Amino acid sequence: MNAFDLHGKVILVTGGAGFLAEHFVTSLLEAGAKVALADIALKAVQARAQKLRENVVPVHMDVTKQDSVDEAFAAVIKEFGRIDVVVNNAAIDPKFDPNSSANTKVFENYPEEAMEQSVDVNMLGTWRVSKAAVKHMLESGGGNIISISSMYGLSVPHQDIYPEGTQKPVDYGMTKAAIQYLTKYIAGTYGQKNIRANALVLGGVFKNHDDAFVEKYAKYTMLGRMTDPAEIGAPLVFLASEASKGMTGHLLVVDAGWSA
């Protein structure tokens, strides 16, 4: 079990103010890691770090700007001396403005600006952070990059689970699929430089969804339910630890059997 121990590991988590990050960071800290929480919302990660107190450092990072990403890496390295693991968690999961016109909620009329924002944060943001990570890890002798992807990067939505007249937007799945390719690209390009890259592919994680949605969603999963937030931290610890040291270019799927 010592292979799962993260004592001595410095882990940078982007999107540190978000819902998933709360569960990720709790598990990483329990396994002994030191964690840098990065987010564009600095006050939010400062508050989260204050709540967690030990072994957590908040840092500002705007993943849409390479300079901001590089500055955040420099700040974390100054604080801890190195970064062993980078978790690409920053993302936009597009939600519809309930006051917007109905025709913008379907594929054929989806706004270009919404697509551009998702590409800039989800895809290019992961690319920017990964570039900074690879540069540091080449200098330090190796490292581990974990990107958070989605079942919608593997399979398309069942649109009937969403409110009538709406669709799960195409940009989310497109950008999450791109992250899966980027993961394999980094793994194949830098594996012999002692840099690993894997993706944690998540299903819908329960977050106070209404009963009607959960019932419709559940019928498409093998476990008959949404993914519990308590189930996502341990797989991340596995990927961040030496327990997974023989794995790279892998998509670890935790989606209650949706994509299978």
Protein backbone atom coordinates (compact mmCIF):
# COMPACT_ATOMS: atom_id res chain seq x y z
CA MET A 1 0.00 0.00 0.00
CA ASN A 2 3.01 2.30 0.30
CA ALA A 3 2.83 2.75 -3.47
CA PHE A 4 -0.27 4.92 -2.96
CA ASP A 5 1.53 7.20 -0.47
CA LEU A 6 1.93 10.77 -1.75
CA HIS A 7 4.15 12.09 1.05
CA GLY A 8 6.87 14.22 -0.51
CA LYS A 9 4.88 14.82 -3.72
CA VAL A 10 4.08 18.37 -4.81
CA ILE A 11 0.87 18.48 -6.85
CA LEU A 12 -0.51 21.44 -8.80
CA VAL A 13 -4.28 21.33 -9.35
CA THR A 14 -5.85 23.80 -11.80
CA GLY A 15 -9.47 24.82 -11.47
CA GLY A 16 -8.82 24.72 -7.74
CA ALA A 17 -11.93 26.67 -6.76
CA GLY A 18 -14.31 24.24 -8.47
CA PHE A 19 -16.60 21.49 -7.25
CA LEU A 20 -14.44 18.57 -8.41
CA ALA A 21 -11.27 20.12 -7.00
CA GLU A 22 -12.72 20.09 -3.50
CA HIS A 23 -12.96 16.29 -3.60
CA PHE A 24 -9.68 15.84 -5.46
CA VAL A 25 -7.68 17.95 -3.02
CA THR A 26 -9.16 16.31 0.06
CA SER A 27 -8.01 12.90 -1.17
CA LEU A 28 -4.59 14.16 -2.25
CA LEU A 29 -3.99 15.71 1.17
CA GLU A 30 -5.16 12.57 2.95
CA ALA A 31 -2.57 10.63 0.94
CA GLY A 32 0.14 13.01 2.14
CA ALA A 33 0.66 15.37 -0.80
CA LYS A 34 1.49 19.06 -0.76
CA VAL A 35 -1.00 20.82 -3.03
CA ALA A 36 -0.96 24.09 -4.96
CA LEU A 37 -4.50 25.19 -5.75
CA ALA A 38 -4.56 27.29 -8.93
CA ASP A 39 -7.52 29.23 -10.23
CA ILE A 40 -8.42 32.51 -11.87
CA ALA A 41 -10.63 33.11 -8.80
CA LEU A 42 -7.80 33.76 -6.35
CA LYS A 43 -10.00 34.72 -3.40
CA ALA A 44 -11.91 31.47 -3.74
CA VAL A 45 -8.77 29.30 -3.65
CA GLN A 46 -7.41 31.40 -0.81
CA ALA A 47 -10.56 30.66 1.17
CA ARG A 48 -10.35 26.96 0.35
CA ALA A 49 -6.69 26.84 1.33
CA GLN A 50 -7.46 28.62 4.59
CA LYS A 51 -10.15 26.07 5.35
CA LEU A 52 -7.83 23.14 4.63
CA ARG A 53 -4.89 24.92 6.30
CA GLU A 54 -1.97 22.48 6.11
CA ASN A 55 0.05 21.69 2.99
CA VAL A 56 -2.09 23.84 0.67
CA VAL A 57 -0.95 26.97 -1.18
CA PRO A 58 -3.32 29.09 -3.30
CA VAL A 59 -2.03 30.56 -6.54
CA HIS A 60 -3.56 32.72 -9.27
CA MET A 61 -3.69 31.18 -12.74
CA ASP A 62 -5.62 32.15 -15.85
CA VAL A 63 -5.35 29.16 -18.17
CA THR A 64 -6.30 31.31 -21.17
CA LYS A 65 -3.00 33.22 -20.88
CA GLN A 66 0.37 31.46 -21.16
CA ASP A 67 2.12 34.20 -19.18
CA SER A 68 -0.26 33.64 -16.26
CA VAL A 69 0.30 29.88 -16.42
CA ASP A 70 4.08 30.30 -16.46
CA GLU A 71 3.97 32.77 -13.55
CA ALA A 72 1.90 30.34 -11.50
CA PHE A 73 4.37 27.54 -12.14
CA ALA A 74 7.23 29.81 -11.08
CA ALA A 75 5.39 30.73 -7.86
CA VAL A 76 4.73 27.09 -6.94
CA ILE A 77 8.31 26.07 -7.71
CA LYS A 78 9.57 28.96 -5.58
CA GLU A 79 7.34 27.78 -2.70
CA PHE A 80 7.98 24.04 -2.89
CA GLY A 81 11.12 23.72 -5.00
CA ARG A 82 9.50 21.58 -7.67
CA ILE A 83 6.23 20.21 -9.09
CA ASP A 84 5.91 16.43 -9.32
CA VAL A 85 2.33 16.10 -10.57
CA VAL A 86 0.09 18.46 -12.54
CA VAL A 87 -3.68 17.92 -12.56
CA ASN A 88 -5.42 19.66 -15.47
CA ASN A 89 -8.82 20.24 -13.89
CA ALA A 90 -9.77 23.75 -15.06
CA ALA A 91 -12.75 23.58 -17.40
CA ILE A 92 -15.99 25.10 -18.56
CA ASP A 93 -19.01 22.83 -18.49
CA PRO A 94 -21.41 24.96 -20.51
CA LYS A 95 -24.76 25.72 -18.93
CA PHE A 96 -27.61 27.42 -20.74
CA ASP A 97 -28.75 30.87 -19.77
CA PRO A 98 -32.45 30.23 -18.97
CA ASN A 99 -33.28 33.65 -20.41
CA SER A 100 -31.57 33.06 -23.76
CA SER A 101 -33.59 32.34 -26.85
CA ALA A 102 -34.46 28.70 -27.41
CA ASN A 103 -32.78 28.43 -30.78
CA THR A 104 -29.31 29.08 -29.32
CA LYS A 105 -29.60 25.89 -27.28
CA VAL A 106 -29.38 23.48 -30.20
CA PHE A 107 -26.41 22.44 -32.33
CA GLU A 108 -27.41 24.21 -35.53
CA ASN A 109 -27.63 27.60 -33.83
CA TYR A 110 -25.08 27.25 -31.02
CA PRO A 111 -23.22 30.57 -30.49
CA GLU A 112 -19.68 30.74 -31.83
CA GLU A 113 -18.53 32.75 -28.82
CA ALA A 114 -19.58 29.92 -26.50
CA MET A 115 -17.62 27.43 -28.60
CA GLU A 116 -14.58 29.71 -28.60
CA GLN A 117 -14.67 30.07 -24.82
CA SER A 118 -14.81 26.32 -24.28
CA VAL A 119 -11.95 25.74 -26.71
CA ASP A 120 -9.85 28.43 -25.05
CA VAL A 121 -10.34 27.10 -21.51
CA ASN A 122 -10.88 23.35 -21.86
CA MET A 123 -8.63 22.49 -24.78
CA LEU A 124 -6.08 25.28 -25.15
CA GLY A 125 -5.96 25.82 -21.39
CA THR A 126 -5.00 22.19 -20.85
CA TRP A 127 -2.46 22.52 -23.65
CA ARG A 128 -0.92 25.65 -22.11
CA VAL A 129 -0.63 24.11 -18.65
CA SER A 130 0.76 20.89 -20.11
CA LYS A 131 3.41 22.83 -22.04
CA ALA A 132 4.57 24.50 -18.83
CA ALA A 133 4.49 21.16 -17.03
CA VAL A 134 6.55 19.37 -19.67
CA LYS A 135 9.12 22.17 -19.72
CA HIS A 136 9.58 21.96 -15.95
CA MET A 137 9.59 18.16 -15.90
CA LEU A 138 12.23 17.94 -18.62
CA GLU A 139 14.44 20.15 -16.47
CA SER A 140 13.68 18.29 -13.23
CA GLY A 141 14.08 14.77 -14.62
CA GLY A 142 10.47 13.67 -14.96
CA GLY A 143 6.94 14.04 -13.71
CA ASN A 144 3.31 13.13 -14.06
CA ILE A 145 0.50 14.95 -15.90
CA ILE A 146 -3.12 13.99 -15.22
CA SER A 147 -5.91 15.59 -17.22
CA ILE A 148 -9.55 15.46 -16.19
CA SER A 149 -11.72 14.43 -19.11
CA SER A 150 -15.31 13.29 -19.53
CA MET A 151 -17.33 10.35 -20.72
CA TYR A 152 -18.59 12.77 -23.39
CA GLY A 153 -15.13 12.60 -24.90
CA LEU A 154 -15.77 8.88 -25.43
CA SER A 155 -19.47 8.72 -26.27
CA VAL A 156 -22.17 11.17 -27.26
CA PRO A 157 -24.92 12.42 -24.93
CA HIS A 158 -28.34 10.88 -24.71
CA GLN A 159 -30.09 14.16 -25.35
CA ASP A 160 -33.39 12.94 -23.93
CA ILE A 161 -32.05 13.36 -20.37
CA TYR A 162 -31.85 17.13 -20.85
CA PRO A 163 -34.78 19.57 -20.68
CA GLU A 164 -37.06 19.61 -23.70
CA GLY A 165 -35.84 22.05 -26.33
CA THR A 166 -32.23 21.90 -25.16
CA GLN A 167 -29.18 19.77 -25.86
CA LYS A 168 -25.91 19.04 -24.11
CA PRO A 169 -23.68 21.40 -26.12
CA VAL A 170 -21.20 19.94 -28.58
CA ASP A 171 -18.27 22.05 -27.34
CA TYR A 172 -17.92 20.15 -24.06
CA GLY A 173 -17.49 16.73 -25.64
CA MET A 174 -15.30 18.06 -28.45
CA THR A 175 -12.85 19.68 -26.06
CA LYS A 176 -12.82 16.72 -23.67
CA ALA A 177 -12.05 14.38 -26.57
CA ALA A 178 -9.17 16.66 -27.53
CA ILE A 179 -7.79 16.33 -24.00
CA GLN A 180 -7.74 12.56 -24.41
CA TYR A 181 -5.68 12.90 -27.60
CA LEU A 182 -3.36 15.41 -25.94
CA THR A 183 -2.81 12.95 -23.09
CA LYS A 184 -1.73 10.23 -25.49
CA TYR A 185 0.42 12.66 -27.47
CA ILE A 186 2.36 13.73 -24.38
CA ALA A 187 2.70 10.12 -23.23
CA GLY A 188 4.07 9.01 -26.58
CA THR A 189 6.38 12.00 -27.03
CA TYR A 190 7.88 12.21 -23.54
CA GLY A 191 7.55 8.74 -22.03
CA GLN A 192 11.24 8.00 -22.46
CA LYS A 193 11.99 11.31 -20.73
CA ASN A 194 10.32 9.94 -17.59
CA ILE A 195 7.16 11.99 -18.03
CA ARG A 196 3.87 10.13 -17.69
CA ALA A 197 0.49 11.39 -18.90
CA ASN A 198 -2.90 9.85 -18.15
CA ALA A 199 -6.49 11.08 -18.12
CA LEU A 200 -9.20 10.57 -15.53
CA VAL A 201 -12.44 10.26 -17.51
CA LEU A 202 -15.44 11.09 -15.35
CA GLY A 203 -19.13 10.51 -15.75
CA GLY A 204 -21.77 12.87 -14.43
CA VAL A 205 -20.90 13.60 -10.80
CA PHE A 206 -23.89 14.17 -8.57
CA LYS A 207 -24.27 17.78 -7.43
CA ASN A 208 -27.78 18.34 -6.13
CA HIS A 209 -29.36 17.29 -9.42
CA ASP A 210 -33.12 17.00 -9.30
CA ASP A 211 -34.71 13.57 -9.03
CA ALA A 212 -36.15 13.64 -12.55
CA PHE A 213 -32.73 14.22 -14.11
CA VAL A 214 -31.05 11.56 -11.97
CA GLU A 215 -33.71 9.01 -12.92
CA LYS A 216 -33.30 9.68 -16.64
CA TYR A 217 -29.50 9.70 -16.40
CA ALA A 218 -29.33 6.52 -14.34
CA LYS A 219 -31.06 4.35 -16.92
CA TYR A 220 -28.05 4.74 -19.23
CA THR A 221 -25.47 3.57 -16.67
CA MET A 222 -24.60 0.02 -15.68
CA LEU A 223 -24.67 0.92 -11.98
CA GLY A 224 -28.01 2.66 -12.34
CA ARG A 225 -26.89 5.96 -10.81
CA MET A 226 -24.70 9.02 -11.18
CA THR A 227 -21.09 9.04 -10.01
CA ASP A 228 -20.78 9.90 -6.31
CA PRO A 229 -18.37 12.79 -5.54
CA ALA A 230 -16.72 10.54 -2.94
CA GLU A 231 -15.68 8.16 -5.73
CA ILE A 232 -13.45 10.50 -7.74
CA GLY A 233 -10.62 11.24 -5.31
CA ALA A 234 -9.15 7.76 -4.91
CA PRO A 235 -8.70 7.16 -8.67
CA LEU A 236 -6.83 10.47 -8.86
CA VAL A 237 -4.57 9.43 -5.97
CA PHE A 238 -3.87 6.20 -7.87
CA LEU A 239 -2.86 8.07 -11.01
CA ALA A 240 -0.75 10.55 -9.02
CA SER A 241 1.05 7.84 -7.06
CA GLU A 242 3.73 5.26 -7.77
CA ALA A 243 0.96 2.65 -7.81
CA SER A 244 0.33 3.64 -11.45
CA LYS A 245 3.98 4.04 -12.45
CA GLY A 246 3.62 1.46 -15.23
CA MET A 247 0.77 3.40 -16.85
CA THR A 248 0.94 6.19 -19.39
CA GLY A 249 -1.32 7.24 -22.26
CA HIS A 250 -4.20 5.64 -20.37
CA LEU A 251 -7.82 6.79 -20.00
CA LEU A 252 -9.06 5.73 -16.55
CA VAL A 253 -12.85 5.78 -16.78
CA VAL A 254 -15.03 6.38 -13.70
CA ASP A 255 -18.54 6.85 -15.09
CA ALA A 256 -20.76 4.18 -13.49
CA GLY A 257 -20.59 2.25 -16.75
CA TRP A 258 -22.10 4.92 -19.02
CA SER A 259 -19.55 4.78 -21.83
CA ALA A 260 -19.24 1.00 -21.74
